[in-house]
């Protein structure tokens, strides 16, 4: 092995650490009510994700890679296939047409910004918090 290392160069494995975003899974209508209340004191963010959509998976990966862990907000993750009732309630309560993937920023009980699909990856949350 030593001779091959000197001829071909020793290759070291590079292991990339994936950062774990502080997602709170949005799984009840009570949580949605809490988000509205909490938004009066701290920015709340909802990411609506489709497990069957390749664009949603790609966008989530890009959003996660770009997310700054120092951002002062609460992140909620809503899987629409599992919680369509909550997704519908989000659309109704905040007056924003459902799309997926979709990112909603909530302050003072109202959506102050929302976007969907590939445009999510261009969002710098700190601009809206």
C-alpha atoms as a PDB file:
ATOM      1  CA  UNK A   1       0.000   0.000   0.000  1.00  0.00           C
ATOM      2  CA  UNK A   2       2.853   2.391   0.794  1.00  0.00           C
ATOM      3  CA  UNK A   3       4.315   2.329  -2.717  1.00  0.00           C
ATOM      4  CA  UNK A   4       0.934   3.049  -4.288  1.00  0.00           C
ATOM      5  CA  UNK A   5       0.437   5.978  -1.902  1.00  0.00           C
ATOM      6  CA  UNK A   6       3.731   7.516  -2.977  1.00  0.00           C
ATOM      7  CA  UNK A   7       3.066   6.967  -6.685  1.00  0.00           C
ATOM      8  CA  UNK A   8      -0.588   7.907  -6.846  1.00  0.00           C
ATOM      9  CA  UNK A   9      -0.793  10.167  -3.805  1.00  0.00           C
ATOM     10  CA  UNK A  10      -2.635   9.282  -0.661  1.00  0.00           C
ATOM     11  CA  UNK A  11      -6.268  10.209  -0.794  1.00  0.00           C
ATOM     12  CA  UNK A  12      -8.016  11.170   2.371  1.00  0.00           C
ATOM     13  CA  UNK A  13     -11.713  10.838   2.787  1.00  0.00           C
ATOM     14  CA  UNK A  14     -13.406  14.164   3.171  1.00  0.00           C
ATOM     15  CA  UNK A  15     -16.552  13.891   5.216  1.00  0.00           C
ATOM     16  CA  UNK A  16     -18.892  16.829   4.903  1.00  0.00           C
ATOM     17  CA  UNK A  17     -20.875  17.576   8.000  1.00  0.00           C
ATOM     18  CA  UNK A  18     -24.489  18.363   7.295  1.00  0.00           C
ATOM     19  CA  UNK A  19     -25.864  21.056   9.528  1.00  0.00           C
ATOM     20  CA  UNK A  20     -29.092  20.233  11.245  1.00  0.00           C
ATOM     21  CA  UNK A  21     -31.567  23.057  10.958  1.00  0.00           C
ATOM     22  CA  UNK A  22     -33.705  23.687  14.039  1.00  0.00           C
ATOM     23  CA  UNK A  23     -36.924  22.546  12.355  1.00  0.00           C
ATOM     24  CA  UNK A  24     -40.104  22.206  14.377  1.00  0.00           C
ATOM     25  CA  UNK A  25     -42.478  19.827  12.611  1.00  0.00           C
ATOM     26  CA  UNK A  26     -45.827  21.513  12.057  1.00  0.00           C
ATOM     27  CA  UNK A  27     -48.326  18.747  12.731  1.00  0.00           C
ATOM     28  CA  UNK A  28     -51.383  20.342  14.365  1.00  0.00           C
ATOM     29  CA  UNK A  29     -53.772  23.225  13.963  1.00  0.00           C
ATOM     30  CA  UNK A  30     -52.973  24.216  17.560  1.00  0.00           C
ATOM     31  CA  UNK A  31     -49.359  24.744  16.549  1.00  0.00           C
ATOM     32  CA  UNK A  32     -50.544  27.009  13.739  1.00  0.00           C
ATOM     33  CA  UNK A  33     -52.436  29.139  16.271  1.00  0.00           C
ATOM     34  CA  UNK A  34     -49.253  29.258  18.369  1.00  0.00           C
ATOM     35  CA  UNK A  35     -47.213  30.408  15.374  1.00  0.00           C
ATOM     36  CA  UNK A  36     -49.538  33.347  14.892  1.00  0.00           C
ATOM     37  CA  UNK A  37     -49.227  34.303  18.572  1.00  0.00           C
ATOM     38  CA  UNK A  38     -45.437  33.834  18.666  1.00  0.00           C
ATOM     39  CA  UNK A  39     -45.038  35.980  15.551  1.00  0.00           C
ATOM     40  CA  UNK A  40     -45.882  39.023  17.677  1.00  0.00           C
ATOM     41  CA  UNK A  41     -42.543  38.564  19.469  1.00  0.00           C
ATOM     42  CA  UNK A  42     -40.317  36.616  17.078  1.00  0.00           C
ATOM     43  CA  UNK A  43     -40.335  35.974  13.337  1.00  0.00           C
ATOM     44  CA  UNK A  44     -41.870  32.628  12.387  1.00  0.00           C
ATOM     45  CA  UNK A  45     -41.049  30.787   9.160  1.00  0.00           C
ATOM     46  CA  UNK A  46     -43.056  27.976   7.577  1.00  0.00           C
ATOM     47  CA  UNK A  47     -41.548  25.763   4.880  1.00  0.00           C
ATOM     48  CA  UNK A  48     -44.182  23.717   3.039  1.00  0.00           C
ATOM     49  CA  UNK A  49     -42.585  20.607   1.570  1.00  0.00           C
ATOM     50  CA  UNK A  50     -43.842  17.969  -0.842  1.00  0.00           C
ATOM     51  CA  UNK A  51     -42.244  14.555  -0.417  1.00  0.00           C
ATOM     52  CA  UNK A  52     -43.211  13.593  -3.970  1.00  0.00           C
ATOM     53  CA  UNK A  53     -41.751  16.630  -5.731  1.00  0.00           C
ATOM     54  CA  UNK A  54     -38.155  16.689  -6.935  1.00  0.00           C
ATOM     55  CA  UNK A  55     -38.134  20.494  -7.041  1.00  0.00           C
ATOM     56  CA  UNK A  56     -39.237  20.582  -3.404  1.00  0.00           C
ATOM     57  CA  UNK A  57     -36.392  18.276  -2.362  1.00  0.00           C
ATOM     58  CA  UNK A  58     -33.814  20.225  -4.355  1.00  0.00           C
ATOM     59  CA  UNK A  59     -35.053  23.557  -2.991  1.00  0.00           C
ATOM     60  CA  UNK A  60     -35.016  22.241   0.571  1.00  0.00           C
ATOM     61  CA  UNK A  61     -31.415  21.100   0.153  1.00  0.00           C
ATOM     62  CA  UNK A  62     -30.340  24.483  -1.233  1.00  0.00           C
ATOM     63  CA  UNK A  63     -32.254  26.372   1.477  1.00  0.00           C
ATOM     64  CA  UNK A  64     -30.653  24.205   4.179  1.00  0.00           C
ATOM     65  CA  UNK A  65     -27.159  24.687   2.765  1.00  0.00           C
ATOM     66  CA  UNK A  66     -27.588  28.466   2.666  1.00  0.00           C
ATOM     67  CA  UNK A  67     -29.334  28.834   6.044  1.00  0.00           C
ATOM     68  CA  UNK A  68     -27.427  30.966   8.553  1.00  0.00           C
ATOM     69  CA  UNK A  69     -27.713  29.337  11.984  1.00  0.00           C
ATOM     70  CA  UNK A  70     -27.591  32.786  13.631  1.00  0.00           C
ATOM     71  CA  UNK A  71     -30.922  33.817  12.079  1.00  0.00           C
ATOM     72  CA  UNK A  72     -33.354  34.890  14.787  1.00  0.00           C
ATOM     73  CA  UNK A  73     -36.513  33.015  13.822  1.00  0.00           C
ATOM     74  CA  UNK A  74     -38.416  29.810  14.455  1.00  0.00           C
ATOM     75  CA  UNK A  75     -38.473  27.348  11.545  1.00  0.00           C
ATOM     76  CA  UNK A  76     -41.545  25.175  10.983  1.00  0.00           C
ATOM     77  CA  UNK A  77     -41.531  22.285   8.545  1.00  0.00           C
ATOM     78  CA  UNK A  78     -44.859  21.205   7.060  1.00  0.00           C
ATOM     79  CA  UNK A  79     -45.070  18.020   5.002  1.00  0.00           C
ATOM     80  CA  UNK A  80     -48.157  18.614   2.897  1.00  0.00           C
ATOM     81  CA  UNK A  81     -48.892  14.949   2.129  1.00  0.00           C
ATOM     82  CA  UNK A  82     -49.172  14.187   5.844  1.00  0.00           C
ATOM     83  CA  UNK A  83     -50.960  17.369   6.875  1.00  0.00           C
ATOM     84  CA  UNK A  84     -53.033  18.692   4.004  1.00  0.00           C
ATOM     85  CA  UNK A  85     -55.566  20.121   6.491  1.00  0.00           C
ATOM     86  CA  UNK A  86     -52.856  22.287   8.051  1.00  0.00           C
ATOM     87  CA  UNK A  87     -51.599  23.358   4.629  1.00  0.00           C
ATOM     88  CA  UNK A  88     -55.138  24.439   3.722  1.00  0.00           C
ATOM     89  CA  UNK A  89     -55.454  26.275   7.049  1.00  0.00           C
ATOM     90  CA  UNK A  90     -52.171  28.121   6.382  1.00  0.00           C
ATOM     91  CA  UNK A  91     -53.487  29.268   2.993  1.00  0.00           C
ATOM     92  CA  UNK A  92     -56.820  30.331   4.467  1.00  0.00           C
ATOM     93  CA  UNK A  93     -55.509  31.998   7.614  1.00  0.00           C
ATOM     94  CA  UNK A  94     -52.755  33.995   5.920  1.00  0.00           C
ATOM     95  CA  UNK A  95     -54.462  34.610   2.561  1.00  0.00           C
ATOM     96  CA  UNK A  96     -51.646  33.047   0.546  1.00  0.00           C
ATOM     97  CA  UNK A  97     -52.441  30.591  -2.230  1.00  0.00           C
ATOM     98  CA  UNK A  98     -50.996  27.126  -1.590  1.00  0.00           C
ATOM     99  CA  UNK A  99     -47.890  26.115  -3.495  1.00  0.00           C
ATOM    100  CA  UNK A 100     -45.149  23.642  -2.772  1.00  0.00           C
ATOM    101  CA  UNK A 101     -42.477  24.067  -2.004  1.00  0.00           C
ATOM    102  CA  UNK A 102     -43.382  27.324  -0.348  1.00  0.00           C
ATOM    103  CA  UNK A 103     -41.737  29.583   2.217  1.00  0.00           C
ATOM    104  CA  UNK A 104     -43.775  31.953   4.381  1.00  0.00           C
ATOM    105  CA  UNK A 105     -42.370  34.555   6.765  1.00  0.00           C
ATOM    106  CA  UNK A 106     -44.786  35.618   9.486  1.00  0.00           C
ATOM    107  CA  UNK A 107     -44.518  38.690  11.698  1.00  0.00           C
ATOM    108  CA  UNK A 108     -47.179  40.287  13.875  1.00  0.00           C
ATOM    109  CA  UNK A 109     -49.728  37.667  12.849  1.00  0.00           C
ATOM    110  CA  UNK A 110     -49.363  38.327   9.098  1.00  0.00           C
ATOM    111  CA  UNK A 111     -47.343  36.950   6.221  1.00  0.00           C
ATOM    112  CA  UNK A 112     -44.812  39.663   5.416  1.00  0.00           C
ATOM    113  CA  UNK A 113     -43.133  37.699   2.626  1.00  0.00           C
ATOM    114  CA  UNK A 114     -43.702  34.466   0.756  1.00  0.00           C
ATOM    115  CA  UNK A 115     -42.217  32.729  -2.226  1.00  0.00           C
ATOM    116  CA  UNK A 116     -42.177  29.322  -3.822  1.00  0.00           C
ATOM    117  CA  UNK A 117     -40.227  26.848  -5.901  1.00  0.00           C
ATOM    118  CA  UNK A 118     -36.700  27.796  -6.980  1.00  0.00           C
ATOM    119  CA  UNK A 119     -37.019  31.377  -5.715  1.00  0.00           C
ATOM    120  CA  UNK A 120     -36.807  30.010  -2.152  1.00  0.00           C
ATOM    121  CA  UNK A 121     -33.110  29.327  -2.607  1.00  0.00           C
ATOM    122  CA  UNK A 122     -32.514  33.038  -3.326  1.00  0.00           C
ATOM    123  CA  UNK A 123     -34.030  34.192  -0.023  1.00  0.00           C
ATOM    124  CA  UNK A 124     -31.741  35.557   2.668  1.00  0.00           C
ATOM    125  CA  UNK A 125     -33.920  35.220   5.750  1.00  0.00           C
ATOM    126  CA  UNK A 126     -31.954  37.867   7.603  1.00  0.00           C
ATOM    127  CA  UNK A 127     -33.377  40.421   5.163  1.00  0.00           C
ATOM    128  CA  UNK A 128     -36.875  39.640   6.474  1.00  0.00           C
ATOM    129  CA  UNK A 129     -36.322  38.895  10.160  1.00  0.00           C
END
